[in-house]
């Protein structure tokens, strides 16, 4: 039994920084959003749009839309990967032969 506690402790110790990194304060979220906006403004400027014009605003909106579509696609892909491989059979779920 003593052998099993070391890998378990090691797994817990390695996952602790990941759990801590997953927690973000509102200030960190706001800083991340501001950095994203700054990067988007720089990208629209590189594409040749002048700040303060309608085309510049449309560029920012398009980048935001693209990011939302990418997030949705990523979310659907993760959902698809986490589904069980067997289909849902109704009230007898899981199938009756299990």
N, C-alpha and C. Protein backbone atom coordinates (compact mmCIF):
# COMPACT_ATOMS: atom_id res chain seq x y z
N UNK A 1 0.82 -1.19 0.00
CA UNK A 1 0.00 0.00 0.00
C UNK A 1 0.86 1.25 0.00
N UNK A 2 2.02 1.15 0.58
CA UNK A 2 2.90 2.30 0.64
C UNK A 2 3.36 2.73 -0.75
N UNK A 3 3.48 1.76 -1.67
CA UNK A 3 3.91 2.07 -3.03
C UNK A 3 2.88 2.91 -3.77
N UNK A 4 1.61 2.70 -3.50
CA UNK A 4 0.57 3.42 -4.21
C UNK A 4 0.45 4.88 -3.76
N UNK A 5 0.82 5.19 -2.54
CA UNK A 5 0.64 6.55 -2.06
C UNK A 5 1.61 7.51 -2.74
N UNK A 6 2.79 7.05 -3.12
CA UNK A 6 3.76 7.94 -3.75
C UNK A 6 3.27 8.43 -5.12
N UNK A 7 2.79 7.54 -6.03
CA UNK A 7 2.26 8.05 -7.31
C UNK A 7 1.03 8.93 -7.13
N UNK A 8 0.20 8.58 -6.14
CA UNK A 8 -0.98 9.39 -5.89
C UNK A 8 -0.60 10.79 -5.41
N UNK A 9 0.36 10.85 -4.51
CA UNK A 9 0.84 12.14 -4.02
C UNK A 9 1.48 12.92 -5.16
N UNK A 10 2.24 12.24 -6.00
CA UNK A 10 2.90 12.90 -7.13
C UNK A 10 1.88 13.47 -8.11
N UNK A 11 0.82 12.71 -8.39
CA UNK A 11 -0.22 13.19 -9.29
C UNK A 11 -0.92 14.42 -8.70
N UNK A 12 -1.19 14.37 -7.41
CA UNK A 12 -1.82 15.51 -6.75
C UNK A 12 -0.90 16.73 -6.77
N UNK A 13 0.38 16.51 -6.49
CA UNK A 13 1.33 17.62 -6.45
C UNK A 13 1.49 18.25 -7.83
N UNK A 14 1.46 17.44 -8.88
CA UNK A 14 1.60 17.98 -10.23
C UNK A 14 0.33 18.68 -10.71
N UNK A 15 -0.83 18.27 -10.21
CA UNK A 15 -2.08 18.90 -10.65
C UNK A 15 -2.39 20.17 -9.88
N UNK A 16 -1.77 20.37 -8.74
CA UNK A 16 -2.05 21.56 -7.93
C UNK A 16 -1.73 22.87 -8.66
N UNK A 17 -0.58 23.01 -9.35
CA UNK A 17 -0.35 24.26 -10.08
C UNK A 17 -1.36 24.49 -11.20
N UNK A 18 -1.83 23.41 -11.82
CA UNK A 18 -2.84 23.57 -12.87
C UNK A 18 -4.16 24.10 -12.29
N UNK A 19 -4.52 23.60 -11.13
CA UNK A 19 -5.74 24.09 -10.49
C UNK A 19 -5.59 25.55 -10.08
N UNK A 20 -4.43 25.91 -9.59
CA UNK A 20 -4.21 27.30 -9.19
C UNK A 20 -4.21 28.22 -10.40
N UNK A 21 -3.68 27.75 -11.52
CA UNK A 21 -3.63 28.58 -12.73
C UNK A 21 -5.02 28.75 -13.34
N UNK A 22 -5.92 27.82 -13.08
CA UNK A 22 -7.26 27.91 -13.65
C UNK A 22 -8.11 28.98 -12.98
N UNK A 23 -7.75 29.38 -11.78
CA UNK A 23 -8.49 30.40 -11.05
C UNK A 23 -7.95 31.78 -11.43
N UNK A 24 -8.80 32.60 -11.98
CA UNK A 24 -8.38 33.94 -12.39
C UNK A 24 -9.24 34.97 -11.67
N UNK A 25 -8.61 36.03 -11.25
CA UNK A 25 -9.34 37.11 -10.58
C UNK A 25 -10.00 37.99 -11.65
N UNK A 26 -10.98 38.79 -11.26
CA UNK A 26 -11.60 39.71 -12.23
C UNK A 26 -10.58 40.69 -12.83
N UNK A 27 -9.58 41.08 -12.03
CA UNK A 27 -8.56 41.99 -12.56
C UNK A 27 -7.75 41.31 -13.66
N UNK A 28 -7.45 40.02 -13.46
CA UNK A 28 -6.71 39.29 -14.49
C UNK A 28 -7.55 39.13 -15.74
N UNK A 29 -8.85 38.87 -15.56
CA UNK A 29 -9.74 38.75 -16.72
C UNK A 29 -9.81 40.07 -17.49
N UNK A 30 -9.90 41.18 -16.75
CA UNK A 30 -9.97 42.49 -17.39
C UNK A 30 -8.66 42.81 -18.12
N UNK A 31 -7.54 42.45 -17.51
CA UNK A 31 -6.25 42.69 -18.15
C UNK A 31 -6.12 41.85 -19.42
N UNK A 32 -6.61 40.61 -19.37
CA UNK A 32 -6.56 39.74 -20.54
C UNK A 32 -7.45 40.29 -21.66
N UNK A 33 -8.63 40.79 -21.30
CA UNK A 33 -9.53 41.37 -22.30
C UNK A 33 -8.92 42.63 -22.91
N UNK A 34 -8.26 43.44 -22.09
CA UNK A 34 -7.62 44.66 -22.60
C UNK A 34 -6.47 44.31 -23.52
N UNK A 35 -5.70 43.28 -23.18
CA UNK A 35 -4.59 42.85 -24.04
C UNK A 35 -5.12 42.33 -25.38
N UNK A 36 -6.24 41.60 -25.32
CA UNK A 36 -6.85 41.09 -26.55
C UNK A 36 -7.34 42.23 -27.43
N UNK A 37 -7.95 43.26 -26.81
CA UNK A 37 -8.42 44.42 -27.57
C UNK A 37 -7.26 45.17 -28.20
N UNK A 38 -6.18 45.32 -27.46
CA UNK A 38 -4.99 45.99 -27.99
C UNK A 38 -4.42 45.22 -29.17
N UNK A 39 -4.37 43.90 -29.05
CA UNK A 39 -3.86 43.07 -30.14
C UNK A 39 -4.78 43.16 -31.36
N UNK A 40 -6.10 43.18 -31.13
CA UNK A 40 -7.05 43.29 -32.24
C UNK A 40 -6.92 44.64 -32.93
N UNK A 41 -6.74 45.71 -32.14
CA UNK A 41 -6.56 47.04 -32.74
C UNK A 41 -5.29 47.08 -33.58
N UNK A 42 -4.23 46.46 -33.08
CA UNK A 42 -2.98 46.42 -33.83
C UNK A 42 -3.16 45.63 -35.13
N UNK A 43 -3.90 44.53 -35.05
CA UNK A 43 -4.14 43.71 -36.25
C UNK A 43 -4.94 44.48 -37.29
N UNK A 44 -5.98 45.18 -36.86
CA UNK A 44 -6.77 45.97 -37.80
C UNK A 44 -5.95 47.10 -38.39
N UNK A 45 -5.06 47.69 -37.59
CA UNK A 45 -4.17 48.72 -38.10
C UNK A 45 -3.21 48.16 -39.14
N UNK A 46 -2.70 46.94 -38.89
CA UNK A 46 -1.81 46.31 -39.88
C UNK A 46 -2.54 45.99 -41.18
N UNK A 47 -3.85 45.74 -41.06
CA UNK A 47 -4.62 45.45 -42.26
C UNK A 47 -4.95 46.71 -43.06
N UNK A 48 -4.64 47.88 -42.50
CA UNK A 48 -4.80 49.11 -43.24
C UNK A 48 -6.00 49.95 -42.86
N UNK A 49 -6.70 49.60 -41.80
CA UNK A 49 -7.86 50.37 -41.37
C UNK A 49 -7.42 51.47 -40.42
N UNK A 50 -8.02 52.62 -40.55
CA UNK A 50 -7.72 53.76 -39.68
C UNK A 50 -8.62 53.73 -38.45
N UNK A 51 -8.01 53.94 -37.27
CA UNK A 51 -8.78 53.92 -36.03
C UNK A 51 -9.79 55.06 -36.02
N UNK A 52 -11.00 54.74 -35.56
CA UNK A 52 -12.06 55.73 -35.49
C UNK A 52 -13.02 55.68 -36.67
N UNK A 53 -12.73 54.84 -37.66
CA UNK A 53 -13.62 54.74 -38.82
C UNK A 53 -14.57 53.55 -38.64
N UNK A 54 -15.60 53.53 -39.47
CA UNK A 54 -16.55 52.41 -39.42
C UNK A 54 -15.87 51.11 -39.84
N UNK A 55 -14.98 51.20 -40.83
CA UNK A 55 -14.29 49.99 -41.28
C UNK A 55 -13.42 49.40 -40.16
N UNK A 56 -12.80 50.26 -39.37
CA UNK A 56 -11.99 49.80 -38.25
C UNK A 56 -12.87 49.08 -37.22
N UNK A 57 -14.03 49.68 -36.92
CA UNK A 57 -14.97 49.05 -35.99
C UNK A 57 -15.47 47.72 -36.52
N UNK A 58 -15.75 47.66 -37.82
CA UNK A 58 -16.18 46.40 -38.43
C UNK A 58 -15.09 45.35 -38.36
N UNK A 59 -13.84 45.78 -38.51
CA UNK A 59 -12.72 44.86 -38.39
C UNK A 59 -12.65 44.27 -36.98
N UNK A 60 -12.80 45.12 -35.96
CA UNK A 60 -12.79 44.64 -34.58
C UNK A 60 -13.93 43.66 -34.33
N UNK A 61 -15.12 43.98 -34.84
CA UNK A 61 -16.26 43.10 -34.66
C UNK A 61 -16.04 41.76 -35.36
N UNK A 62 -15.44 41.81 -36.55
CA UNK A 62 -15.18 40.57 -37.30
C UNK A 62 -14.18 39.69 -36.55
N UNK A 63 -13.14 40.29 -35.98
CA UNK A 63 -12.17 39.52 -35.20
C UNK A 63 -12.83 38.89 -33.98
N UNK A 64 -13.73 39.65 -33.34
CA UNK A 64 -14.45 39.11 -32.18
C UNK A 64 -15.36 37.97 -32.60
N UNK A 65 -16.01 38.12 -33.74
CA UNK A 65 -16.88 37.06 -34.27
C UNK A 65 -16.08 35.80 -34.59
N UNK A 66 -14.93 35.98 -35.20
CA UNK A 66 -14.08 34.83 -35.53
C UNK A 66 -13.65 34.12 -34.26
N UNK A 67 -13.28 34.88 -33.23
CA UNK A 67 -12.87 34.27 -31.97
C UNK A 67 -14.03 33.50 -31.34
N UNK A 68 -15.24 34.03 -31.41
CA UNK A 68 -16.41 33.35 -30.85
C UNK A 68 -16.69 32.05 -31.59
N UNK A 69 -16.54 32.07 -32.91
CA UNK A 69 -16.75 30.85 -33.71
C UNK A 69 -15.69 29.81 -33.36
N UNK A 70 -14.44 30.25 -33.20
CA UNK A 70 -13.38 29.32 -32.82
C UNK A 70 -13.64 28.71 -31.45
N UNK A 71 -14.10 29.52 -30.50
CA UNK A 71 -14.41 29.01 -29.16
C UNK A 71 -15.56 28.01 -29.21
N UNK A 72 -16.58 28.31 -30.01
CA UNK A 72 -17.71 27.39 -30.16
C UNK A 72 -17.26 26.08 -30.79
N UNK A 73 -16.43 26.16 -31.80
CA UNK A 73 -15.92 24.96 -32.45
C UNK A 73 -15.10 24.13 -31.47
N UNK A 74 -14.24 24.80 -30.70
CA UNK A 74 -13.42 24.10 -29.71
C UNK A 74 -14.30 23.43 -28.65
N UNK A 75 -15.34 24.14 -28.23
CA UNK A 75 -16.25 23.59 -27.23
C UNK A 75 -17.00 22.37 -27.77
N UNK A 76 -17.46 22.45 -29.00
CA UNK A 76 -18.16 21.31 -29.61
C UNK A 76 -17.23 20.12 -29.79
N UNK A 77 -15.98 20.39 -30.17
CA UNK A 77 -15.02 19.32 -30.34
C UNK A 77 -14.73 18.63 -29.01
N UNK A 78 -14.58 19.40 -27.94
CA UNK A 78 -14.36 18.80 -26.63
C UNK A 78 -15.58 18.00 -26.19
N UNK A 79 -16.77 18.53 -26.48
CA UNK A 79 -18.00 17.81 -26.14
C UNK A 79 -18.08 16.50 -26.91
N UNK A 80 -17.71 16.54 -28.18
CA UNK A 80 -17.75 15.33 -28.99
C UNK A 80 -16.76 14.30 -28.48
N UNK A 81 -15.59 14.75 -28.02
CA UNK A 81 -14.58 13.83 -27.54
C UNK A 81 -14.97 13.21 -26.20
N UNK A 82 -15.80 13.89 -25.42
CA UNK A 82 -16.17 13.39 -24.10
C UNK A 82 -17.43 12.54 -24.10
N UNK A 83 -18.06 12.38 -25.25
CA UNK A 83 -19.25 11.54 -25.31
C UNK A 83 -18.87 10.07 -25.28
N UNK A 84 -19.74 9.21 -24.74
CA UNK A 84 -19.45 7.78 -24.80
C UNK A 84 -19.54 7.27 -26.23
N UNK A 85 -18.87 6.19 -26.50
CA UNK A 85 -18.84 5.69 -27.87
C UNK A 85 -20.11 4.96 -28.25
N UNK A 86 -20.95 4.55 -27.26
CA UNK A 86 -22.18 3.85 -27.58
C UNK A 86 -23.33 4.84 -27.71
N UNK A 87 -24.29 4.56 -28.56
CA UNK A 87 -25.43 5.46 -28.70
C UNK A 87 -26.38 5.31 -27.52
N UNK A 88 -27.20 6.31 -27.34
CA UNK A 88 -28.20 6.27 -26.28
C UNK A 88 -29.37 5.43 -26.76
N UNK A 89 -29.75 4.44 -25.95
CA UNK A 89 -30.81 3.53 -26.35
C UNK A 89 -32.13 3.79 -25.65
N UNK A 90 -32.25 4.83 -24.89
CA UNK A 90 -33.50 5.12 -24.22
C UNK A 90 -33.49 4.65 -22.78
N UNK A 91 -34.65 4.17 -22.29
CA UNK A 91 -34.77 3.82 -20.87
C UNK A 91 -33.78 2.75 -20.42
N UNK A 92 -33.35 1.89 -21.31
CA UNK A 92 -32.43 0.82 -20.93
C UNK A 92 -30.98 1.24 -21.00
N UNK A 93 -30.70 2.51 -20.77
CA UNK A 93 -29.33 3.01 -20.87
C UNK A 93 -28.61 2.75 -19.57
N UNK A 94 -27.45 2.20 -19.57
CA UNK A 94 -26.75 1.58 -20.70
C UNK A 94 -27.50 0.34 -21.18
N UNK A 95 -27.10 -0.16 -22.34
CA UNK A 95 -27.84 -1.27 -22.95
C UNK A 95 -28.05 -2.42 -21.96
N UNK A 96 -29.16 -3.12 -22.14
CA UNK A 96 -29.60 -4.12 -21.17
C UNK A 96 -28.62 -5.27 -20.98
N UNK A 97 -27.74 -5.52 -21.94
CA UNK A 97 -26.84 -6.68 -21.80
C UNK A 97 -25.65 -6.38 -20.90
N UNK A 98 -25.53 -5.20 -20.36
CA UNK A 98 -24.40 -4.90 -19.47
C UNK A 98 -24.71 -5.32 -18.08
